[in-house]
All heavy atoms as atom14 arrays in JSON, in Angstrom:
{
  "sequence": "ANAVPPARKLFEDNPHSISALEWYSQALLRTNDRNRLKRIVAKLDD",
  "atom14_mask": [
    [1, 1, 1, 1, 1, 0, 0, 0, 0, 0, 0, 0, 0, 0],
    [1, 1, 1, 1, 1, 1, 1, 1, 0, 0, 0, 0, 0, 0],
    [1, 1, 1, 1, 1, 0, 0, 0, 0, 0, 0, 0, 0, 0],
    [1, 1, 1, 1, 1, 1, 1, 0, 0, 0, 0, 0, 0, 0],
    [1, 1, 1, 1, 1, 1, 1, 0, 0, 0, 0, 0, 0, 0],
    [1, 1, 1, 1, 1, 1, 1, 0, 0, 0, 0, 0, 0, 0],
    [1, 1, 1, 1, 1, 0, 0, 0, 0, 0, 0, 0, 0, 0],
    [1, 1, 1, 1, 1, 1, 1, 1, 1, 1, 1, 0, 0, 0],
    [1, 1, 1, 1, 1, 1, 1, 1, 1, 0, 0, 0, 0, 0],
    [1, 1, 1, 1, 1, 1, 1, 1, 0, 0, 0, 0, 0, 0],
    [1, 1, 1, 1, 1, 1, 1, 1, 1, 1, 1, 0, 0, 0],
    [1, 1, 1, 1, 1, 1, 1, 1, 1, 0, 0, 0, 0, 0],
    [1, 1, 1, 1, 1, 1, 1, 1, 0, 0, 0, 0, 0, 0],
    [1, 1, 1, 1, 1, 1, 1, 1, 0, 0, 0, 0, 0, 0],
    [1, 1, 1, 1, 1, 1, 1, 0, 0, 0, 0, 0, 0, 0],
    [1, 1, 1, 1, 1, 1, 1, 1, 1, 1, 0, 0, 0, 0],
    [1, 1, 1, 1, 1, 1, 0, 0, 0, 0, 0, 0, 0, 0],
    [1, 1, 1, 1, 1, 1, 1, 1, 0, 0, 0, 0, 0, 0],
    [1, 1, 1, 1, 1, 1, 0, 0, 0, 0, 0, 0, 0, 0],
    [1, 1, 1, 1, 1, 0, 0, 0, 0, 0, 0, 0, 0, 0],
    [1, 1, 1, 1, 1, 1, 1, 1, 0, 0, 0, 0, 0, 0],
    [1, 1, 1, 1, 1, 1, 1, 1, 1, 0, 0, 0, 0, 0],
    [1, 1, 1, 1, 1, 1, 1, 1, 1, 1, 1, 1, 1, 1],
    [1, 1, 1, 1, 1, 1, 1, 1, 1, 1, 1, 1, 0, 0],
    [1, 1, 1, 1, 1, 1, 0, 0, 0, 0, 0, 0, 0, 0],
    [1, 1, 1, 1, 1, 1, 1, 1, 1, 0, 0, 0, 0, 0],
    [1, 1, 1, 1, 1, 0, 0, 0, 0, 0, 0, 0, 0, 0],
    [1, 1, 1, 1, 1, 1, 1, 1, 0, 0, 0, 0, 0, 0],
    [1, 1, 1, 1, 1, 1, 1, 1, 0, 0, 0, 0, 0, 0],
    [1, 1, 1, 1, 1, 1, 1, 1, 1, 1, 1, 0, 0, 0],
    [1, 1, 1, 1, 1, 1, 1, 0, 0, 0, 0, 0, 0, 0],
    [1, 1, 1, 1, 1, 1, 1, 1, 0, 0, 0, 0, 0, 0],
    [1, 1, 1, 1, 1, 1, 1, 1, 0, 0, 0, 0, 0, 0],
    [1, 1, 1, 1, 1, 1, 1, 1, 1, 1, 1, 0, 0, 0],
    [1, 1, 1, 1, 1, 1, 1, 1, 0, 0, 0, 0, 0, 0],
    [1, 1, 1, 1, 1, 1, 1, 1, 1, 1, 1, 0, 0, 0],
    [1, 1, 1, 1, 1, 1, 1, 1, 0, 0, 0, 0, 0, 0],
    [1, 1, 1, 1, 1, 1, 1, 1, 1, 0, 0, 0, 0, 0],
    [1, 1, 1, 1, 1, 1, 1, 1, 1, 1, 1, 0, 0, 0],
    [1, 1, 1, 1, 1, 1, 1, 1, 0, 0, 0, 0, 0, 0],
    [1, 1, 1, 1, 1, 1, 1, 0, 0, 0, 0, 0, 0, 0],
    [1, 1, 1, 1, 1, 0, 0, 0, 0, 0, 0, 0, 0, 0],
    [1, 1, 1, 1, 1, 1, 1, 1, 1, 0, 0, 0, 0, 0],
    [1, 1, 1, 1, 1, 1, 1, 1, 0, 0, 0, 0, 0, 0],
    [1, 1, 1, 1, 1, 1, 1, 1, 0, 0, 0, 0, 0, 0],
    [1, 1, 1, 1, 1, 1, 1, 1, 0, 0, 0, 0, 0, 0]
  ],
  "atom14_positions": [
    [[93.12, 96.95, 88.96], [93.04, 95.56, 88.49], [93.07, 95.48, 86.97], [93.55, 94.49, 86.4], [91.78, 94.89, 89.03], [0.0, 0.0, 0.0], [0.0, 0.0, 0.0], [0.0, 0.0, 0.0], [0.0, 0.0, 0.0], [0.0, 0.0, 0.0], [0.0, 0.0, 0.0], [0.0, 0.0, 0.0], [0.0, 0.0, 0.0], [0.0, 0.0, 0.0]],
    [[92.58, 96.52, 86.29], [92.58, 96.53, 84.83], [93.97, 96.79, 84.25], [94.18, 96.64, 83.04], [91.6, 97.58, 84.3], [90.17, 97.2, 84.57], [89.87, 96.05, 84.84], [89.28, 98.17, 84.53], [0.0, 0.0, 0.0], [0.0, 0.0, 0.0], [0.0, 0.0, 0.0], [0.0, 0.0, 0.0], [0.0, 0.0, 0.0], [0.0, 0.0, 0.0]],
    [[94.92, 97.17, 85.09], [96.28, 97.42, 84.63], [97.09, 96.13, 84.53], [98.1, 96.09, 83.83], [96.99, 98.4, 85.56], [0.0, 0.0, 0.0], [0.0, 0.0, 0.0], [0.0, 0.0, 0.0], [0.0, 0.0, 0.0], [0.0, 0.0, 0.0], [0.0, 0.0, 0.0], [0.0, 0.0, 0.0], [0.0, 0.0, 0.0], [0.0, 0.0, 0.0]],
    [[96.65, 95.07, 85.19], [97.42, 93.82, 85.22], [97.51, 93.16, 83.84], [98.6, 92.8, 83.41], [96.87, 92.85, 86.28], [97.57, 91.51, 86.22], [97.02, 93.45, 87.67], [0.0, 0.0, 0.0], [0.0, 0.0, 0.0], [0.0, 0.0, 0.0], [0.0, 0.0, 0.0], [0.0, 0.0, 0.0], [0.0, 0.0, 0.0], [0.0, 0.0, 0.0]],
    [[96.4, 92.97, 83.1], [96.52, 92.29, 81.79], [97.46, 92.97, 80.8], [98.3, 92.29, 80.21], [95.07, 92.23, 81.28], [94.24, 92.28, 82.51], [94.98, 93.18, 83.45], [0.0, 0.0, 0.0], [0.0, 0.0, 0.0], [0.0, 0.0, 0.0], [0.0, 0.0, 0.0], [0.0, 0.0, 0.0], [0.0, 0.0, 0.0], [0.0, 0.0, 0.0]],
    [[97.37, 94.3, 80.6], [98.33, 94.89, 79.64], [99.77, 94.84, 80.16], [100.71, 94.65, 79.38], [97.86, 96.32, 79.45], [96.9, 96.6, 80.53], [96.37, 95.29, 81.01], [0.0, 0.0, 0.0], [0.0, 0.0, 0.0], [0.0, 0.0, 0.0], [0.0, 0.0, 0.0], [0.0, 0.0, 0.0], [0.0, 0.0, 0.0], [0.0, 0.0, 0.0]],
    [[99.96, 94.96, 81.47], [101.31, 94.89, 82.03], [101.87, 93.47, 81.88], [103.05, 93.29, 81.59], [101.3, 95.32, 83.49], [0.0, 0.0, 0.0], [0.0, 0.0, 0.0], [0.0, 0.0, 0.0], [0.0, 0.0, 0.0], [0.0, 0.0, 0.0], [0.0, 0.0, 0.0], [0.0, 0.0, 0.0], [0.0, 0.0, 0.0], [0.0, 0.0, 0.0]],
    [[101.0, 92.48, 82.06], [101.43, 91.08, 81.88], [101.81, 90.84, 80.42], [102.82, 90.22, 80.13], [100.33, 90.11, 82.31], [100.76, 88.65, 82.15], [99.68, 87.67, 82.57], [98.48, 87.86, 81.79], [97.27, 88.09, 82.3], [97.09, 88.15, 83.61], [96.24, 88.25, 81.52], [0.0, 0.0, 0.0], [0.0, 0.0, 0.0], [0.0, 0.0, 0.0]],
    [[101.02, 91.36, 79.5], [101.32, 91.21, 78.07], [102.63, 91.9, 77.72], [103.43, 91.35, 76.96], [100.16, 91.8, 77.24], [100.33, 91.63, 75.76], [100.25, 90.18, 75.35], [100.3, 90.08, 73.84], [100.83, 88.83, 73.38], [0.0, 0.0, 0.0], [0.0, 0.0, 0.0], [0.0, 0.0, 0.0], [0.0, 0.0, 0.0], [0.0, 0.0, 0.0]],
    [[102.88, 93.06, 78.3], [104.14, 93.76, 78.09], [105.31, 92.9, 78.53], [106.3, 92.75, 77.81], [104.13, 95.08, 78.86], [105.43, 95.89, 78.86], [105.73, 96.41, 77.46], [105.32, 97.04, 79.85], [0.0, 0.0, 0.0], [0.0, 0.0, 0.0], [0.0, 0.0, 0.0], [0.0, 0.0, 0.0], [0.0, 0.0, 0.0], [0.0, 0.0, 0.0]],
    [[105.2, 92.28, 79.71], [106.28, 91.44, 80.22], [106.42, 90.15, 79.41], [107.53, 89.7, 79.15], [106.07, 91.12, 81.7], [107.13, 90.24, 82.27], [108.46, 90.65, 82.31], [106.81, 88.98, 82.76], [109.45, 89.82, 82.83], [107.79, 88.16, 83.27], [109.11, 88.58, 83.31], [0.0, 0.0, 0.0], [0.0, 0.0, 0.0], [0.0, 0.0, 0.0]],
    [[105.31, 89.56, 79.02], [105.37, 88.32, 78.23], [106.05, 88.55, 76.88], [106.76, 87.67, 76.4], [103.97, 87.75, 78.01], [103.36, 87.14, 79.25], [101.9, 86.74, 79.07], [101.3, 87.08, 78.03], [101.36, 86.11, 79.99], [0.0, 0.0, 0.0], [0.0, 0.0, 0.0], [0.0, 0.0, 0.0], [0.0, 0.0, 0.0], [0.0, 0.0, 0.0]],
    [[105.84, 89.7, 76.28], [106.47, 90.0, 74.99], [107.9, 90.52, 75.13], [108.61, 90.61, 74.15], [105.63, 90.99, 74.2], [104.43, 90.33, 73.54], [104.16, 89.15, 73.83], [103.79, 91.0, 72.72], [0.0, 0.0, 0.0], [0.0, 0.0, 0.0], [0.0, 0.0, 0.0], [0.0, 0.0, 0.0], [0.0, 0.0, 0.0], [0.0, 0.0, 0.0]],
    [[108.29, 90.89, 76.34], [109.65, 91.39, 76.61], [110.18, 90.71, 77.88], [110.44, 91.37, 78.89], [109.63, 92.91, 76.82], [109.08, 93.63, 75.63], [109.72, 93.71, 74.6], [107.84, 94.14, 75.75], [0.0, 0.0, 0.0], [0.0, 0.0, 0.0], [0.0, 0.0, 0.0], [0.0, 0.0, 0.0], [0.0, 0.0, 0.0], [0.0, 0.0, 0.0]],
    [[110.36, 89.38, 77.85], [110.68, 88.64, 79.09], [112.08, 88.92, 79.63], [112.37, 88.55, 80.77], [110.54, 87.18, 78.67], [110.81, 87.18, 77.22], [110.26, 88.49, 76.71], [0.0, 0.0, 0.0], [0.0, 0.0, 0.0], [0.0, 0.0, 0.0], [0.0, 0.0, 0.0], [0.0, 0.0, 0.0], [0.0, 0.0, 0.0], [0.0, 0.0, 0.0]],
    [[112.94, 89.56, 78.87], [114.3, 89.84, 79.35], [114.48, 91.3, 79.75], [115.57, 91.71, 80.1], [115.33, 89.47, 78.28], [115.26, 88.04, 77.88], [115.48, 87.01, 78.77], [114.98, 87.45, 76.71], [115.34, 85.85, 78.15], [115.02, 86.1, 76.9], [0.0, 0.0, 0.0], [0.0, 0.0, 0.0], [0.0, 0.0, 0.0], [0.0, 0.0, 0.0]],
    [[113.41, 92.07, 79.7], [113.47, 93.49, 80.03], [113.1, 93.72, 81.49], [111.99, 93.38, 81.93], [112.5, 94.26, 79.13], [112.36, 95.58, 79.59], [0.0, 0.0, 0.0], [0.0, 0.0, 0.0], [0.0, 0.0, 0.0], [0.0, 0.0, 0.0], [0.0, 0.0, 0.0], [0.0, 0.0, 0.0], [0.0, 0.0, 0.0], [0.0, 0.0, 0.0]],
    [[114.02, 94.31, 82.23], [113.72, 94.63, 83.63], [112.65, 95.7, 83.71], [111.8, 95.68, 84.6], [115.01, 95.06, 84.38], [115.97, 93.86, 84.44], [114.69, 95.56, 85.77], [117.32, 94.18, 85.04], [0.0, 0.0, 0.0], [0.0, 0.0, 0.0], [0.0, 0.0, 0.0], [0.0, 0.0, 0.0], [0.0, 0.0, 0.0], [0.0, 0.0, 0.0]],
    [[112.64, 96.61, 82.76], [111.62, 97.66, 82.73], [110.22, 97.05, 82.61], [109.29, 97.46, 83.31], [111.88, 98.62, 81.58], [110.86, 99.58, 81.48], [0.0, 0.0, 0.0], [0.0, 0.0, 0.0], [0.0, 0.0, 0.0], [0.0, 0.0, 0.0], [0.0, 0.0, 0.0], [0.0, 0.0, 0.0], [0.0, 0.0, 0.0], [0.0, 0.0, 0.0]],
    [[110.07, 96.08, 81.71], [108.77, 95.42, 81.55], [108.38, 94.67, 82.83], [107.22, 94.66, 83.24], [108.81, 94.46, 80.37], [0.0, 0.0, 0.0], [0.0, 0.0, 0.0], [0.0, 0.0, 0.0], [0.0, 0.0, 0.0], [0.0, 0.0, 0.0], [0.0, 0.0, 0.0], [0.0, 0.0, 0.0], [0.0, 0.0, 0.0], [0.0, 0.0, 0.0]],
    [[109.36, 94.05, 83.47], [109.1, 93.36, 84.74], [108.65, 94.35, 85.8], [107.75, 94.06, 86.59], [110.35, 92.61, 85.19], [110.28, 91.95, 86.57], [109.19, 90.88, 86.61], [111.64, 91.36, 86.94], [0.0, 0.0, 0.0], [0.0, 0.0, 0.0], [0.0, 0.0, 0.0], [0.0, 0.0, 0.0], [0.0, 0.0, 0.0], [0.0, 0.0, 0.0]],
    [[109.25, 95.52, 85.83], [108.84, 96.55, 86.8], [107.41, 96.99, 86.57], [106.66, 97.19, 87.53], [109.78, 97.75, 86.73], [111.14, 97.49, 87.34], [112.09, 98.67, 87.22], [111.8, 99.62, 86.46], [113.12, 98.64, 87.89], [0.0, 0.0, 0.0], [0.0, 0.0, 0.0], [0.0, 0.0, 0.0], [0.0, 0.0, 0.0], [0.0, 0.0, 0.0]],
    [[107.01, 97.16, 85.3], [105.62, 97.52, 85.01], [104.67, 96.45, 85.54], [103.66, 96.76, 86.16], [105.42, 97.7, 83.5], [105.79, 99.05, 83.01], [107.04, 99.49, 82.67], [104.91, 100.15, 82.82], [106.98, 100.79, 82.27], [105.69, 101.23, 82.35], [103.55, 100.34, 82.98], [105.15, 102.47, 82.05], [103.01, 101.57, 82.68], [103.8, 102.62, 82.22]],
    [[105.01, 95.2, 85.28], [104.16, 94.09, 85.72], [104.14, 94.0, 87.24], [103.09, 93.82, 87.85], [104.66, 92.79, 85.09], [103.76, 91.6, 85.26], [102.38, 91.72, 85.39], [104.29, 90.31, 85.3], [101.56, 90.62, 85.53], [103.48, 89.2, 85.44], [102.12, 89.36, 85.56], [101.32, 88.26, 85.72], [0.0, 0.0, 0.0], [0.0, 0.0, 0.0]],
    [[105.3, 94.14, 87.87], [105.36, 94.03, 89.32], [104.56, 95.15, 89.99], [103.88, 94.91, 90.99], [106.8, 94.02, 89.82], [107.43, 95.25, 89.6], [0.0, 0.0, 0.0], [0.0, 0.0, 0.0], [0.0, 0.0, 0.0], [0.0, 0.0, 0.0], [0.0, 0.0, 0.0], [0.0, 0.0, 0.0], [0.0, 0.0, 0.0], [0.0, 0.0, 0.0]],
    [[104.62, 96.36, 89.45], [103.85, 97.46, 90.02], [102.35, 97.2, 89.92], [101.6, 97.5, 90.84], [104.22, 98.79, 89.35], [105.57, 99.31, 89.75], [105.69, 99.52, 91.24], [104.81, 100.11, 91.87], [106.77, 99.02, 91.82], [0.0, 0.0, 0.0], [0.0, 0.0, 0.0], [0.0, 0.0, 0.0], [0.0, 0.0, 0.0], [0.0, 0.0, 0.0]],
    [[101.93, 96.65, 88.78], [100.51, 96.32, 88.62], [100.08, 95.27, 89.64], [99.01, 95.38, 90.24], [100.24, 95.83, 87.2], [0.0, 0.0, 0.0], [0.0, 0.0, 0.0], [0.0, 0.0, 0.0], [0.0, 0.0, 0.0], [0.0, 0.0, 0.0], [0.0, 0.0, 0.0], [0.0, 0.0, 0.0], [0.0, 0.0, 0.0], [0.0, 0.0, 0.0]],
    [[100.92, 94.27, 89.84], [100.59, 93.22, 90.82], [100.56, 93.76, 92.24], [99.68, 93.41, 93.04], [101.58, 92.06, 90.71], [101.52, 91.25, 89.42], [102.65, 90.23, 89.38], [100.17, 90.56, 89.29], [0.0, 0.0, 0.0], [0.0, 0.0, 0.0], [0.0, 0.0, 0.0], [0.0, 0.0, 0.0], [0.0, 0.0, 0.0], [0.0, 0.0, 0.0]],
    [[101.5, 94.62, 92.57], [101.55, 95.17, 93.92], [100.38, 96.1, 94.2], [99.89, 96.15, 95.32], [102.88, 95.88, 94.16], [104.09, 94.95, 94.22], [105.37, 95.76, 94.33], [103.96, 93.97, 95.38], [0.0, 0.0, 0.0], [0.0, 0.0, 0.0], [0.0, 0.0, 0.0], [0.0, 0.0, 0.0], [0.0, 0.0, 0.0], [0.0, 0.0, 0.0]],
    [[99.93, 96.82, 93.17], [98.78, 97.71, 93.36], [97.49, 96.93, 93.56], [96.51, 97.48, 94.05], [98.65, 98.67, 92.19], [99.75, 99.71, 92.19], [99.62, 100.65, 91.04], [100.77, 101.55, 91.01], [100.79, 102.68, 90.34], [99.75, 103.06, 89.64], [101.86, 103.44, 90.35], [0.0, 0.0, 0.0], [0.0, 0.0, 0.0], [0.0, 0.0, 0.0]],
    [[97.48, 95.67, 93.17], [96.31, 94.82, 93.39], [96.54, 93.84, 94.55], [95.81, 92.88, 94.71], [95.95, 94.04, 92.12], [97.07, 93.24, 91.72], [95.53, 94.96, 91.0], [0.0, 0.0, 0.0], [0.0, 0.0, 0.0], [0.0, 0.0, 0.0], [0.0, 0.0, 0.0], [0.0, 0.0, 0.0], [0.0, 0.0, 0.0], [0.0, 0.0, 0.0]],
    [[97.59, 94.09, 95.33], [97.92, 93.27, 96.5], [98.16, 91.8, 96.15], [97.75, 90.91, 96.88], [96.84, 93.38, 97.58], [96.8, 94.75, 98.2], [97.83, 95.39, 98.37], [95.61, 95.22, 98.52], [0.0, 0.0, 0.0], [0.0, 0.0, 0.0], [0.0, 0.0, 0.0], [0.0, 0.0, 0.0], [0.0, 0.0, 0.0], [0.0, 0.0, 0.0]],
    [[98.82, 91.55, 95.04], [99.12, 90.18, 94.61], [100.61, 89.89, 94.75], [101.29, 89.54, 93.8], [98.65, 89.96, 93.17], [98.39, 88.5, 92.87], [98.79, 87.64, 93.68], [97.81, 88.22, 91.81], [0.0, 0.0, 0.0], [0.0, 0.0, 0.0], [0.0, 0.0, 0.0], [0.0, 0.0, 0.0], [0.0, 0.0, 0.0], [0.0, 0.0, 0.0]],
    [[101.1, 90.03, 95.98], [102.53, 89.83, 96.25], [102.95, 88.38, 96.0], [104.06, 88.13, 95.55], [102.84, 90.23, 97.68], [104.29, 90.08, 98.05], [104.57, 90.51, 99.45], [105.98, 90.33, 99.74], [106.53, 90.65, 100.87], [105.81, 91.18, 101.84], [107.82, 90.44, 101.07], [0.0, 0.0, 0.0], [0.0, 0.0, 0.0], [0.0, 0.0, 0.0]],
    [[102.07, 87.44, 96.29], [102.42, 86.03, 96.1], [102.68, 85.7, 94.63], [103.57, 84.92, 94.31], [101.34, 85.11, 96.67], [101.31, 85.17, 98.17], [102.32, 85.41, 98.81], [100.13, 84.96, 98.76], [0.0, 0.0, 0.0], [0.0, 0.0, 0.0], [0.0, 0.0, 0.0], [0.0, 0.0, 0.0], [0.0, 0.0, 0.0], [0.0, 0.0, 0.0]],
    [[101.88, 86.27, 93.74], [102.11, 86.02, 92.31], [103.45, 86.62, 91.89], [104.21, 86.01, 91.15], [101.01, 86.61, 91.45], [101.17, 86.17, 89.99], [100.39, 86.97, 88.99], [98.96, 86.76, 89.02], [98.13, 87.4, 88.2], [98.58, 88.25, 87.3], [96.83, 87.22, 88.26], [0.0, 0.0, 0.0], [0.0, 0.0, 0.0], [0.0, 0.0, 0.0]],
    [[103.77, 87.8, 92.4], [105.06, 88.42, 92.11], [106.2, 87.54, 92.6], [107.19, 87.34, 91.89], [105.14, 89.81, 92.73], [106.47, 90.55, 92.54], [106.76, 90.75, 91.06], [106.45, 91.87, 93.28], [0.0, 0.0, 0.0], [0.0, 0.0, 0.0], [0.0, 0.0, 0.0], [0.0, 0.0, 0.0], [0.0, 0.0, 0.0], [0.0, 0.0, 0.0]],
    [[106.06, 86.98, 93.79], [107.1, 86.1, 94.33], [107.29, 84.87, 93.44], [108.42, 84.45, 93.19], [106.74, 85.66, 95.74], [106.9, 86.73, 96.78], [106.4, 86.22, 98.1], [107.42, 86.44, 99.18], [106.97, 85.94, 100.48], [0.0, 0.0, 0.0], [0.0, 0.0, 0.0], [0.0, 0.0, 0.0], [0.0, 0.0, 0.0], [0.0, 0.0, 0.0]],
    [[106.2, 84.31, 92.94], [106.3, 83.14, 92.06], [106.99, 83.5, 90.75], [107.81, 82.72, 90.24], [104.91, 82.56, 91.78], [104.3, 81.82, 92.95], [103.06, 81.04, 92.55], [102.06, 81.84, 91.86], [101.05, 82.48, 92.45], [100.9, 82.43, 93.75], [100.18, 83.16, 91.72], [0.0, 0.0, 0.0], [0.0, 0.0, 0.0], [0.0, 0.0, 0.0]],
    [[106.67, 84.65, 90.2], [107.28, 85.09, 88.93], [108.78, 85.31, 89.12], [109.59, 84.84, 88.32], [106.59, 86.37, 88.42], [105.17, 86.04, 87.97], [107.38, 87.01, 87.29], [104.3, 87.25, 87.76], [0.0, 0.0, 0.0], [0.0, 0.0, 0.0], [0.0, 0.0, 0.0], [0.0, 0.0, 0.0], [0.0, 0.0, 0.0], [0.0, 0.0, 0.0]],
    [[109.14, 85.99, 90.18], [110.55, 86.28, 90.44], [111.33, 84.99, 90.72], [112.47, 84.84, 90.29], [110.69, 87.3, 91.59], [112.13, 87.42, 92.06], [110.16, 88.66, 91.15], [0.0, 0.0, 0.0], [0.0, 0.0, 0.0], [0.0, 0.0, 0.0], [0.0, 0.0, 0.0], [0.0, 0.0, 0.0], [0.0, 0.0, 0.0], [0.0, 0.0, 0.0]],
    [[110.71, 84.06, 91.42], [111.39, 82.8, 91.73], [111.72, 82.01, 90.47], [112.73, 81.3, 90.42], [110.52, 81.96, 92.66], [0.0, 0.0, 0.0], [0.0, 0.0, 0.0], [0.0, 0.0, 0.0], [0.0, 0.0, 0.0], [0.0, 0.0, 0.0], [0.0, 0.0, 0.0], [0.0, 0.0, 0.0], [0.0, 0.0, 0.0], [0.0, 0.0, 0.0]],
    [[110.91, 82.15, 89.42], [111.13, 81.4, 88.18], [112.09, 82.09, 87.21], [112.52, 81.48, 86.24], [109.79, 81.18, 87.46], [108.86, 80.26, 88.19], [107.55, 80.14, 87.45], [106.55, 79.31, 88.21], [105.26, 79.25, 87.52], [0.0, 0.0, 0.0], [0.0, 0.0, 0.0], [0.0, 0.0, 0.0], [0.0, 0.0, 0.0], [0.0, 0.0, 0.0]],
    [[112.41, 83.35, 87.46], [113.25, 84.11, 86.52], [114.69, 83.65, 86.55], [115.22, 83.27, 87.59], [113.21, 85.6, 86.87], [111.97, 86.36, 86.48], [112.07, 87.8, 86.98], [111.76, 86.35, 84.99], [0.0, 0.0, 0.0], [0.0, 0.0, 0.0], [0.0, 0.0, 0.0], [0.0, 0.0, 0.0], [0.0, 0.0, 0.0], [0.0, 0.0, 0.0]],
    [[115.32, 83.73, 85.38], [116.76, 83.54, 85.27], [117.38, 84.93, 85.2], [117.05, 85.71, 84.31], [117.09, 82.73, 84.0], [118.56, 82.46, 83.84], [119.33, 82.71, 84.79], [118.95, 82.0, 82.76], [0.0, 0.0, 0.0], [0.0, 0.0, 0.0], [0.0, 0.0, 0.0], [0.0, 0.0, 0.0], [0.0, 0.0, 0.0], [0.0, 0.0, 0.0]],
    [[118.26, 85.24, 86.13], [118.81, 86.59, 86.24], [119.76, 86.96, 85.11], [119.88, 88.13, 84.76], [119.55, 86.76, 87.57], [118.67, 86.49, 88.77], [117.45, 86.68, 88.67], [119.2, 86.09, 89.82], [0.0, 0.0, 0.0], [0.0, 0.0, 0.0], [0.0, 0.0, 0.0], [0.0, 0.0, 0.0], [0.0, 0.0, 0.0], [0.0, 0.0, 0.0]]
  ]
}
């Protein structure tokens, strides 16, 4: 759970980086927060 805030900050500062998104998504999945990941992905512009 402590990995989510720095991973979120990484993605917020690099919103066009797929690598940063992967770091954030892995943190969310390790905390069983699939719904938040779905919301984030739904809002992304590919």
